[in-house]
C-alpha atoms as a PDB file:
ATOM      1  CA  MET A   1      -9.937  -4.133   4.798  1.00  0.00           C
ATOM      2  CA  THR A   2      -8.546  -4.605   1.338  1.00  0.00           C
ATOM      3  CA  GLY A   3      -5.614  -3.450  -0.702  1.00  0.00           C
ATOM      4  CA  LYS A   4      -3.609  -0.528   0.557  1.00  0.00           C
ATOM      5  CA  GLU A   5      -5.790  -0.067   3.636  1.00  0.00           C
ATOM      6  CA  SER A   6      -4.362  -3.327   5.134  1.00  0.00           C
ATOM      7  CA  LEU A   7      -0.714  -2.303   4.799  1.00  0.00           C
ATOM      8  CA  PRO A   8      -0.509  -0.777   8.265  1.00  0.00           C
ATOM      9  CA  LEU A   9      -2.044  -3.891   9.784  1.00  0.00           C
ATOM     10  CA  ILE A  10       0.684  -6.067   8.117  1.00  0.00           C
ATOM     11  CA  VAL A  11       3.372  -3.829   9.328  1.00  0.00           C
ATOM     12  CA  TYR A  12       1.867  -4.053  12.923  1.00  0.00           C
ATOM     13  CA  PHE A  13       1.842  -7.802  12.875  1.00  0.00           C
ATOM     14  CA  GLY A  14       5.383  -7.824  11.263  1.00  0.00           C
ATOM     15  CA  TYR A  15       6.563  -5.789  14.221  1.00  0.00           C
ATOM     16  CA  TRP A  16       5.038  -8.158  16.887  1.00  0.00           C
ATOM     17  CA  LEU A  17       5.895 -11.303  14.979  1.00  0.00           C
ATOM     18  CA  ALA A  18       9.527 -10.454  15.126  1.00  0.00           C
ATOM     19  CA  PHE A  19       9.525 -11.619  18.700  1.00  0.00           C
ATOM     20  CA  VAL A  20       8.345 -15.037  17.461  1.00  0.00           C
ATOM     21  CA  SER A  21      10.513 -15.357  14.335  1.00  0.00           C
ATOM     22  CA  HIS A  22      12.464 -12.580  12.610  1.00  0.00           C
ATOM     23  CA  TRP A  23      11.975 -14.508   9.301  1.00  0.00           C
ATOM     24  CA  ILE A  24       8.239 -14.032   9.488  1.00  0.00           C
ATOM     25  CA  SER A  25       8.627 -10.362  10.260  1.00  0.00           C
ATOM     26  CA  ILE A  26      11.053  -9.927   7.244  1.00  0.00           C
ATOM     27  CA  ALA A  27       8.634 -11.784   4.941  1.00  0.00           C
ATOM     28  CA  LEU A  28       5.794  -9.408   5.966  1.00  0.00           C
ATOM     29  CA  TYR A  29       7.862  -6.339   5.449  1.00  0.00           C
ATOM     30  CA  ILE A  30       8.852  -7.624   1.996  1.00  0.00           C
ATOM     31  CA  LEU A  31       5.241  -8.207   1.190  1.00  0.00           C
ATOM     32  CA  VAL A  32       4.430  -4.676   2.236  1.00  0.00           C
ATOM     33  CA  ALA A  33       7.140  -3.259  -0.020  1.00  0.00           C
ATOM     34  CA  LEU A  34       5.976  -5.311  -2.984  1.00  0.00           C
ATOM     35  CA  LEU A  35       2.392  -4.157  -2.392  1.00  0.00           C
ATOM     36  CA  TRP A  36       3.541  -0.501  -2.530  1.00  0.00           C
ATOM     37  CA  LEU A  37       4.874  -1.184  -6.098  1.00  0.00           C
ATOM     38  CA  ILE A  38       1.364  -1.945  -7.385  1.00  0.00           C
ATOM     39  CA  PRO A  39      -0.128   1.285  -8.763  1.00  0.00           C
ATOM     40  CA  ASP A  40      -3.291   2.502  -7.247  1.00  0.00           C
ATOM     41  CA  ARG A  41      -6.135   2.357  -9.881  1.00  0.00           C
ATOM     42  CA  ARG A  42      -7.852   5.466  -8.374  1.00  0.00           C
ATOM     43  CA  ILE A  43      -4.627   7.502  -9.030  1.00  0.00           C
ATOM     44  CA  GLU A  44      -4.243   5.955 -12.520  1.00  0.00           C
ATOM     45  CA  GLN A  45      -7.820   6.911 -13.397  1.00  0.00           C
ATOM     46  CA  MET A  46      -7.412  10.433 -12.036  1.00  0.00           C
ATOM     47  CA  LEU A  47      -4.288  10.984 -14.146  1.00  0.00           C
ATOM     48  CA  ALA A  48      -5.935   9.538 -17.220  1.00  0.00           C
ATOM     49  CA  THR A  49      -8.943  11.839 -17.194  1.00  0.00           C
ATOM     50  CA  PRO A  50      -8.502  15.199 -18.826  1.00  0.00           C
ATOM     51  CA  LYS A  51      -8.825  18.234 -16.629  1.00  0.00           C
ATOM     52  CA  SER A  52     -11.350  20.853 -17.653  1.00  0.00           C
ATOM     53  CA  GLU A  53     -10.491  24.533 -17.394  1.00  0.00           C
ATOM     54  CA  GLY A  54     -10.647  25.929 -13.881  1.00  0.00           C
ATOM     55  CA  THR A  55     -11.002  22.628 -12.058  1.00  0.00           C
ATOM     56  CA  SER A  56      -8.543  20.442 -10.262  1.00  0.00           C
ATOM     57  CA  ASN A  57      -8.405  16.632 -10.125  1.00  0.00           C
ATOM     58  CA  PHE A  58      -7.448  16.957  -6.459  1.00  0.00           C
END
């Protein structure tokens, strides 16, 4: 798993590691929030390509 696909896994571990140390859990949740701020290249490429008549980018 790479990139945005690993975010649910990080959240899962953040939930369970809260029982060990709440600081580790908070750090993982902050990491997920920061990763969400990074734009997805696939969406950026889709928005950059011009649409032709009668087709959709979605």
